[in-house]
PDB file of N, CA and C in Angstrom:
ATOM      1  N   MET A   1     119.733  34.681 128.356  1.00  0.00           N
ATOM      2  CA  MET A   1     118.340  34.804 128.712  1.00  0.00           C
ATOM      3  C   MET A   1     117.641  35.834 127.814  1.00  0.00           C
ATOM      4  N   GLY A   2     118.396  36.797 127.297  1.00  0.00           N
ATOM      5  CA  GLY A   2     117.806  37.798 126.412  1.00  0.00           C
ATOM      6  C   GLY A   2     117.286  37.189 125.126  1.00  0.00           C
ATOM      7  N   PHE A   3     118.063  36.263 124.559  1.00  0.00           N
ATOM      8  CA  PHE A   3     117.638  35.607 123.320  1.00  0.00           C
ATOM      9  C   PHE A   3     116.376  34.782 123.549  1.00  0.00           C
ATOM     10  N   ILE A   4     116.294  34.108 124.677  1.00  0.00           N
ATOM     11  CA  ILE A   4     115.109  33.308 125.002  1.00  0.00           C
ATOM     12  C   ILE A   4     113.889  34.209 125.150  1.00  0.00           C
ATOM     13  N   SER A   5     114.062  35.361 125.767  1.00  0.00           N
ATOM     14  CA  SER A   5     112.917  36.262 125.937  1.00  0.00           C
ATOM     15  C   SER A   5     112.453  36.832 124.596  1.00  0.00           C
ATOM     16  N   VAL A   6     113.382  37.055 123.661  1.00  0.00           N
ATOM     17  CA  VAL A   6     112.988  37.529 122.329  1.00  0.00           C
ATOM     18  C   VAL A   6     112.181  36.454 121.603  1.00  0.00           C
ATOM     19  N   ILE A   7     112.661  35.228 121.632  1.00  0.00           N
ATOM     20  CA  ILE A   7     111.930  34.123 120.988  1.00  0.00           C
ATOM     21  C   ILE A   7     110.562  33.952 121.639  1.00  0.00           C
ATOM     22  N   TRP A   8     110.529  34.019 122.957  1.00  0.00           N
ATOM     23  CA  TRP A   8     109.281  33.871 123.707  1.00  0.00           C
ATOM     24  C   TRP A   8     108.301  34.988 123.326  1.00  0.00           C
ATOM     25  N   GLY A   9     108.793  36.201 123.193  1.00  0.00           N
ATOM     26  CA  GLY A   9     107.947  37.334 122.818  1.00  0.00           C
ATOM     27  C   GLY A   9     107.416  37.215 121.401  1.00  0.00           C
ATOM     28  N   ILE A  10     108.253  36.759 120.467  1.00  0.00           N
ATOM     29  CA  ILE A  10     107.796  36.595 119.088  1.00  0.00           C
ATOM     30  C   ILE A  10     106.754  35.497 118.985  1.00  0.00           C
ATOM     31  N   VAL A  11     106.959  34.405 119.696  1.00  0.00           N
ATOM     32  CA  VAL A  11     105.972  33.317 119.678  1.00  0.00           C
ATOM     33  C   VAL A  11     104.655  33.781 120.298  1.00  0.00           C
ATOM     34  N   SER A  12     104.722  34.554 121.361  1.00  0.00           N
ATOM     35  CA  SER A  12     103.478  35.038 121.972  1.00  0.00           C
ATOM     36  C   SER A  12     102.768  36.044 121.065  1.00  0.00           C
ATOM     37  N   LEU A  13     103.524  36.865 120.324  1.00  0.00           N
ATOM     38  CA  LEU A  13     102.893  37.767 119.357  1.00  0.00           C
ATOM     39  C   LEU A  13     102.227  36.995 118.222  1.00  0.00           C
ATOM     40  N   LEU A  14     102.891  35.957 117.733  1.00  0.00           N
ATOM     41  CA  LEU A  14     102.294  35.135 116.680  1.00  0.00           C
ATOM     42  C   LEU A  14     101.017  34.444 117.171  1.00  0.00           C
ATOM     43  N   GLY A  15     101.053  33.946 118.386  1.00  0.00           N
ATOM     44  CA  GLY A  15      99.857  33.335 118.963  1.00  0.00           C
ATOM     45  C   GLY A  15      98.736  34.342 119.144  1.00  0.00           C
ATOM     46  N   MET A  16      99.095  35.567 119.522  1.00  0.00           N
ATOM     47  CA  MET A  16      98.081  36.601 119.696  1.00  0.00           C
ATOM     48  C   MET A  16      97.435  36.952 118.359  1.00  0.00           C
ATOM     49  N   PHE A  17      98.262  37.089 117.299  1.00  0.00           N
ATOM     50  CA  PHE A  17      97.697  37.389 115.983  1.00  0.00           C
ATOM     51  C   PHE A  17      96.841  36.242 115.469  1.00  0.00           C
ATOM     52  N   LEU A  18      97.228  35.017 115.751  1.00  0.00           N
ATOM     53  CA  LEU A  18      96.430  33.859 115.348  1.00  0.00           C
ATOM     54  C   LEU A  18      95.101  33.835 116.101  1.00  0.00           C
ATOM     55  N   ALA A  19      95.097  34.296 117.342  1.00  0.00           N
ATOM     56  CA  ALA A  19      93.878  34.302 118.147  1.00  0.00           C
ATOM     57  C   ALA A  19      92.888  35.373 117.697  1.00  0.00           C
ATOM     58  N   PHE A  20      93.315  36.319 116.863  1.00  0.00           N
ATOM     59  CA  PHE A  20      92.387  37.316 116.334  1.00  0.00           C
ATOM     60  C   PHE A  20      91.508  36.757 115.223  1.00  0.00           C
ATOM     61  N   LEU A  21      91.860  35.603 114.681  1.00  0.00           N
ATOM     62  CA  LEU A  21      91.039  34.989 113.643  1.00  0.00           C
ATOM     63  C   LEU A  21      89.730  34.482 114.254  1.00  0.00           C
ATOM     64  N   PRO A  22      88.649  34.513 113.479  1.00  0.00           N
ATOM     65  CA  PRO A  22      87.384  34.011 114.009  1.00  0.00           C
ATOM     66  C   PRO A  22      87.489  32.537 114.411  1.00  0.00           C
ATOM     67  N   PHE A  23      86.824  32.189 115.466  1.00  0.00           N
ATOM     68  CA  PHE A  23      86.745  30.845 116.038  1.00  0.00           C
ATOM     69  C   PHE A  23      88.063  30.367 116.657  1.00  0.00           C
ATOM     70  N   LEU A  24      89.056  31.215 116.734  1.00  0.00           N
ATOM     71  CA  LEU A  24      90.312  30.849 117.382  1.00  0.00           C
ATOM     72  C   LEU A  24      90.601  31.742 118.586  1.00  0.00           C
ATOM     73  N   GLY A  25      89.594  32.437 119.072  1.00  0.00           N
ATOM     74  CA  GLY A  25      89.755  33.328 120.212  1.00  0.00           C
ATOM     75  C   GLY A  25      90.104  32.605 121.497  1.00  0.00           C
ATOM     76  N   ILE A  26      89.845  31.308 121.558  1.00  0.00           N
ATOM     77  CA  ILE A  26      90.182  30.531 122.750  1.00  0.00           C
ATOM     78  C   ILE A  26      91.694  30.502 122.979  1.00  0.00           C
ATOM     79  N   LEU A  27      92.453  30.748 121.926  1.00  0.00           N
ATOM     80  CA  LEU A  27      93.914  30.762 122.061  1.00  0.00           C
ATOM     81  C   LEU A  27      94.396  31.891 122.960  1.00  0.00           C
ATOM     82  N   ASN A  28      93.575  32.917 123.146  1.00  0.00           N
ATOM     83  CA  ASN A  28      93.970  34.008 124.041  1.00  0.00           C
ATOM     84  C   ASN A  28      94.183  33.512 125.464  1.00  0.00           C
ATOM     85  N   TRP A  29      93.452  32.487 125.857  1.00  0.00           N
ATOM     86  CA  TRP A  29      93.629  31.940 127.198  1.00  0.00           C
ATOM     87  C   TRP A  29      94.993  31.276 127.348  1.00  0.00           C
ATOM     88  N   PHE A  30      95.582  30.836 126.247  1.00  0.00           N
ATOM     89  CA  PHE A  30      96.920  30.245 126.294  1.00  0.00           C
ATOM     90  C   PHE A  30      98.007  31.302 126.102  1.00  0.00           C
ATOM     91  N   VAL A  31      97.677  32.355 125.366  1.00  0.00           N
ATOM     92  CA  VAL A  31      98.660  33.408 125.094  1.00  0.00           C
ATOM     93  C   VAL A  31      98.920  34.242 126.346  1.00  0.00           C
ATOM     94  N   VAL A  32      97.909  34.477 127.154  1.00  0.00           N
ATOM     95  CA  VAL A  32      98.070  35.337 128.337  1.00  0.00           C
ATOM     96  C   VAL A  32      99.124  34.796 129.305  1.00  0.00           C
ATOM     97  N   PRO A  33      99.064  33.540 129.743  1.00  0.00           N
ATOM     98  CA  PRO A  33     100.136  33.082 130.644  1.00  0.00           C
ATOM     99  C   PRO A  33     101.487  32.958 129.937  1.00  0.00           C
ATOM    100  N   PHE A  34     101.461  32.597 128.651  1.00  0.00           N
ATOM    101  CA  PHE A  34     102.704  32.487 127.883  1.00  0.00           C
ATOM    102  C   PHE A  34     103.385  33.845 127.790  1.00  0.00           C
ATOM    103  N   ALA A  35     102.617  34.892 127.502  1.00  0.00           N
ATOM    104  CA  ALA A  35     103.173  36.237 127.405  1.00  0.00           C
ATOM    105  C   ALA A  35     103.602  36.760 128.777  1.00  0.00           C
ATOM    106  N   ALA A  36     102.889  36.379 129.825  1.00  0.00           N
ATOM    107  CA  ALA A  36     103.282  36.807 131.172  1.00  0.00           C
ATOM    108  C   ALA A  36     104.645  36.222 131.547  1.00  0.00           C
ATOM    109  N   ILE A  37     104.893  34.992 131.166  1.00  0.00           N
ATOM    110  CA  ILE A  37     106.209  34.393 131.402  1.00  0.00           C
ATOM    111  C   ILE A  37     107.264  35.129 130.574  1.00  0.00           C
ATOM    112  N   GLY A  38     106.914  35.527 129.357  1.00  0.00           N
ATOM    113  CA  GLY A  38     107.832  36.284 128.519  1.00  0.00           C
ATOM    114  C   GLY A  38     108.174  37.637 129.108  1.00  0.00           C
ATOM    115  N   VAL A  39     107.203  38.276 129.741  1.00  0.00           N
ATOM    116  CA  VAL A  39     107.462  39.566 130.400  1.00  0.00           C
ATOM    117  C   VAL A  39     108.456  39.374 131.543  1.00  0.00           C
ATOM    118  N   VAL A  40     108.271  38.326 132.313  1.00  0.00           N
ATOM    119  CA  VAL A  40     109.188  38.056 133.428  1.00  0.00           C
ATOM    120  C   VAL A  40     110.587  37.735 132.901  1.00  0.00           C
ATOM    121  N   LEU A  41     110.674  36.913 131.856  1.00  0.00           N
ATOM    122  CA  LEU A  41     111.984  36.586 131.282  1.00  0.00           C
ATOM    123  C   LEU A  41     112.669  37.826 130.727  1.00  0.00           C
ATOM    124  N   GLY A  42     111.914  38.682 130.056  1.00  0.00           N
ATOM    125  CA  GLY A  42     112.488  39.910 129.523  1.00  0.00           C
ATOM    126  C   GLY A  42     112.965  40.842 130.610  1.00  0.00           C
ATOM    127  N   TYR A  43     112.239  40.892 131.707  1.00  0.00           N
ATOM    128  CA  TYR A  43     112.652  41.739 132.826  1.00  0.00           C
ATOM    129  C   TYR A  43     113.923  41.200 133.476  1.00  0.00           C
ATOM    130  N   LEU A  44     113.995  39.889 133.624  1.00  0.00           N
ATOM    131  CA  LEU A  44     115.171  39.287 134.250  1.00  0.00           C
ATOM    132  C   LEU A  44     116.397  39.308 133.345  1.00  0.00           C
ATOM    133  N   ALA A  45     116.177  39.438 132.036  1.00  0.00           N
ATOM    134  CA  ALA A  45     117.303  39.403 131.095  1.00  0.00           C
ATOM    135  C   ALA A  45     118.073  40.707 131.055  1.00  0.00           C
ATOM    136  N   LYS A  46     117.523  41.764 131.619  1.00  0.00           N
ATOM    137  CA  LYS A  46     118.241  43.046 131.618  1.00  0.00           C
ATOM    138  C   LYS A  46     119.424  42.950 132.572  1.00  0.00           C
ATOM    139  N   SER A  47     120.610  42.942 132.009  1.00  0.00           N
ATOM    140  CA  SER A  47     121.813  42.852 132.839  1.00  0.00           C
ATOM    141  C   SER A  47     122.748  44.006 132.496  1.00  0.00           C
ATOM    142  N   PRO A  48     123.472  44.517 133.458  1.00  0.00           N
ATOM    143  CA  PRO A  48     124.333  45.676 133.214  1.00  0.00           C
ATOM    144  C   PRO A  48     125.657  45.347 132.526  1.00  0.00           C
ATOM    145  N   ASP A  49     125.971  44.062 132.289  1.00  0.00           N
ATOM    146  CA  ASP A  49     127.296  43.731 131.784  1.00  0.00           C
ATOM    147  C   ASP A  49     127.438  43.836 130.266  1.00  0.00           C
ATOM    148  N   GLY A  50     126.346  43.987 129.527  1.00  0.00           N
ATOM    149  CA  GLY A  50     126.496  44.081 128.077  1.00  0.00           C
ATOM    150  C   GLY A  50     125.306  44.730 127.425  1.00  0.00           C
ATOM    151  N   LEU A  51     125.576  45.483 126.359  1.00  0.00           N
ATOM    152  CA  LEU A  51     124.506  46.180 125.660  1.00  0.00           C
ATOM    153  C   LEU A  51     123.625  45.210 124.882  1.00  0.00           C
ATOM    154  N   GLU A  52     124.236  44.164 124.311  1.00  0.00           N
ATOM    155  CA  GLU A  52     123.486  43.211 123.517  1.00  0.00           C
ATOM    156  C   GLU A  52     122.416  42.510 124.360  1.00  0.00           C
ATOM    157  N   LYS A  53     122.818  42.037 125.507  1.00  0.00           N
ATOM    158  CA  LYS A  53     121.879  41.335 126.371  1.00  0.00           C
ATOM    159  C   LYS A  53     120.773  42.265 126.842  1.00  0.00           C
ATOM    160  N   LYS A  54     121.136  43.503 127.109  1.00  0.00           N
ATOM    161  CA  LYS A  54     120.149  44.451 127.599  1.00  0.00           C
ATOM    162  C   LYS A  54     119.123  44.769 126.523  1.00  0.00           C
ATOM    163  N   SER A  55     119.562  44.952 125.280  1.00  0.00           N
ATOM    164  CA  SER A  55     118.622  45.284 124.213  1.00  0.00           C
ATOM    165  C   SER A  55     117.758  44.083 123.856  1.00  0.00           C
ATOM    166  N   ALA A  56     118.321  42.884 123.897  1.00  0.00           N
ATOM    167  CA  ALA A  56     117.525  41.692 123.616  1.00  0.00           C
ATOM    168  C   ALA A  56     116.481  41.484 124.706  1.00  0.00           C
ATOM    169  N   GLY A  57     116.865  41.700 125.940  1.00  0.00           N
ATOM    170  CA  GLY A  57     115.906  41.574 127.035  1.00  0.00           C
ATOM    171  C   GLY A  57     114.796  42.599 126.935  1.00  0.00           C
ATOM    172  N   ARG A  58     115.153  43.810 126.523  1.00  0.00           N
ATOM    173  CA  ARG A  58     114.159  44.865 126.359  1.00  0.00           C
ATOM    174  C   ARG A  58     113.192  44.532 125.222  1.00  0.00           C
ATOM    175  N   LEU A  59     113.726  44.014 124.110  1.00  0.00           N
ATOM    176  CA  LEU A  59     112.877  43.648 122.975  1.00  0.00           C
ATOM    177  C   LEU A  59     111.915  42.526 123.351  1.00  0.00           C
ATOM    178  N   GLY A  60     112.406  41.509 124.040  1.00  0.00           N
ATOM    179  CA  GLY A  60     111.547  40.423 124.497  1.00  0.00           C
ATOM    180  C   GLY A  60     110.486  40.903 125.473  1.00  0.00           C
ATOM    181  N   PHE A  61     110.880  41.810 126.359  1.00  0.00           N
ATOM    182  CA  PHE A  61     109.940  42.383 127.324  1.00  0.00           C
ATOM    183  C   PHE A  61     108.829  43.140 126.612  1.00  0.00           C
ATOM    184  N   ILE A  62     109.191  43.963 125.626  1.00  0.00           N
ATOM    185  CA  ILE A  62     108.197  44.772 124.919  1.00  0.00           C
ATOM    186  C   ILE A  62     107.274  43.903 124.076  1.00  0.00           C
ATOM    187  N   CYS A  63     107.825  42.921 123.361  1.00  0.00           N
ATOM    188  CA  CYS A  63     106.991  42.032 122.544  1.00  0.00           C
ATOM    189  C   CYS A  63     105.990  41.266 123.406  1.00  0.00           C
ATOM    190  N   SER A  64     106.470  40.740 124.516  1.00  0.00           N
ATOM    191  CA  SER A  64     105.581  39.979 125.405  1.00  0.00           C
ATOM    192  C   SER A  64     104.543  40.880 126.063  1.00  0.00           C
ATOM    193  N   LEU A  65     104.939  42.088 126.410  1.00  0.00           N
ATOM    194  CA  LEU A  65     104.005  43.014 127.046  1.00  0.00           C
ATOM    195  C   LEU A  65     102.901  43.428 126.073  1.00  0.00           C
ATOM    196  N   VAL A  66     103.252  43.674 124.828  1.00  0.00           N
ATOM    197  CA  VAL A  66     102.249  44.018 123.811  1.00  0.00           C
ATOM    198  C   VAL A  66     101.289  42.850 123.609  1.00  0.00           C
ATOM    199  N   ALA A  67     101.821  41.637 123.502  1.00  0.00           N
ATOM    200  CA  ALA A  67     100.974  40.462 123.320  1.00  0.00           C
ATOM    201  C   ALA A  67     100.060  40.261 124.523  1.00  0.00           C
ATOM    202  N   LEU A  68     100.588  40.471 125.721  1.00  0.00           N
ATOM    203  CA  LEU A  68      99.789  40.313 126.931  1.00  0.00           C
ATOM    204  C   LEU A  68      98.654  41.332 126.986  1.00  0.00           C
ATOM    205  N   CYS A  69      98.960  42.591 126.720  1.00  0.00           N
ATOM    206  CA  CYS A  69      97.934  43.639 126.785  1.00  0.00           C
ATOM    207  C   CYS A  69      96.858  43.444 125.732  1.00  0.00           C
ATOM    208  N   LEU A  70      97.253  43.135 124.509  1.00  0.00           N
ATOM    209  CA  LEU A  70      96.264  42.961 123.445  1.00  0.00           C
ATOM    210  C   LEU A  70      95.424  41.702 123.648  1.00  0.00           C
ATOM    211  N   SER A  71      96.021  40.649 124.162  1.00  0.00           N
ATOM    212  CA  SER A  71      95.246  39.435 124.434  1.00  0.00           C
ATOM    213  C   SER A  71      94.251  39.657 125.565  1.00  0.00           C
ATOM    214  N   LEU A  72      94.671  40.359 126.606  1.00  0.00           N
ATOM    215  CA  LEU A  72      93.743  40.667 127.690  1.00  0.00           C
ATOM    216  C   LEU A  72      92.616  41.578 127.208  1.00  0.00           C
ATOM    217  N   PHE A  73      92.949  42.536 126.352  1.00  0.00           N
ATOM    218  CA  PHE A  73      91.927  43.417 125.793  1.00  0.00           C
ATOM    219  C   PHE A  73      90.941  42.631 124.937  1.00  0.00           C
ATOM    220  N   ARG A  74      91.446  41.691 124.146  1.00  0.00           N
ATOM    221  CA  ARG A  74      90.581  40.852 123.303  1.00  0.00           C
ATOM    222  C   ARG A  74      89.676  39.980 124.158  1.00  0.00           C
ATOM    223  N   LEU A  75      90.211  39.432 125.226  1.00  0.00           N
ATOM    224  CA  LEU A  75      89.380  38.631 126.139  1.00  0.00           C
ATOM    225  C   LEU A  75      88.323  39.494 126.821  1.00  0.00           C
ATOM    226  N   PHE A  76      88.680  40.716 127.166  1.00  0.00           N
ATOM    227  CA  PHE A  76      87.727  41.636 127.778  1.00  0.00           C
ATOM    228  C   PHE A  76      86.592  41.981 126.808  1.00  0.00           C
ATOM    229  N   LEU A  77      86.941  42.237 125.554  1.00  0.00           N
ATOM    230  CA  LEU A  77      85.920  42.565 124.553  1.00  0.00           C
ATOM    231  C   LEU A  77      85.004  41.389 124.260  1.00  0.00           C
ATOM    232  N   GLY A  78      85.551  40.192 124.247  1.00  0.00           N
ATOM    233  CA  GLY A  78      84.768  39.008 123.938  1.00  0.00           C
ATOM    234  C   GLY A  78      83.954  38.472 125.094  1.00  0.00           C
ATOM    235  N   GLY A  79      84.097  39.058 126.260  1.00  0.00           N
ATOM    236  CA  GLY A  79      83.338  38.618 127.426  1.00  0.00           C
ATOM    237  C   GLY A  79      84.030  37.509 128.195  1.00  0.00           C
ATOM    238  N   GLY A  80      85.294  37.222 127.897  1.00  0.00           N
ATOM    239  CA  GLY A  80      86.010  36.181 128.607  1.00  0.00           C
ATOM    240  C   GLY A  80      86.447  36.612 129.995  1.00  0.00           C
ATOM    241  N   ILE A  81      86.692  37.907 130.157  1.00  0.00           N
ATOM    242  CA  ILE A  81      87.077  38.461 131.455  1.00  0.00           C
ATOM    243  C   ILE A  81      86.083  39.566 131.785  1.00  0.00           C
ATOM    244  N   PHE A  82      85.489  39.480 132.940  1.00  0.00           N
ATOM    245  CA  PHE A  82      84.490  40.492 133.311  1.00  0.00           C
ATOM    246  C   PHE A  82      85.117  41.525 134.186  1.00  0.00           C
TER     247      PHE A  82
END
């Protein structure tokens, strides 16, 4: 599950960076739920049985959380969320 959360976090970061381009801000509405799922996957991937799984889950959690926060901030600035 840690590897899936890392992939999910990287894809959500790429989508967030793509949504910063002009006329593509609508993608933030798709990145927010995608990144929220990544945060949940990263949180669930933290397991005490191995260091590798724990670090991968943490990386996925952080990537998704950054994408979620920045996308919500971008939507707030653009007037998408009041």
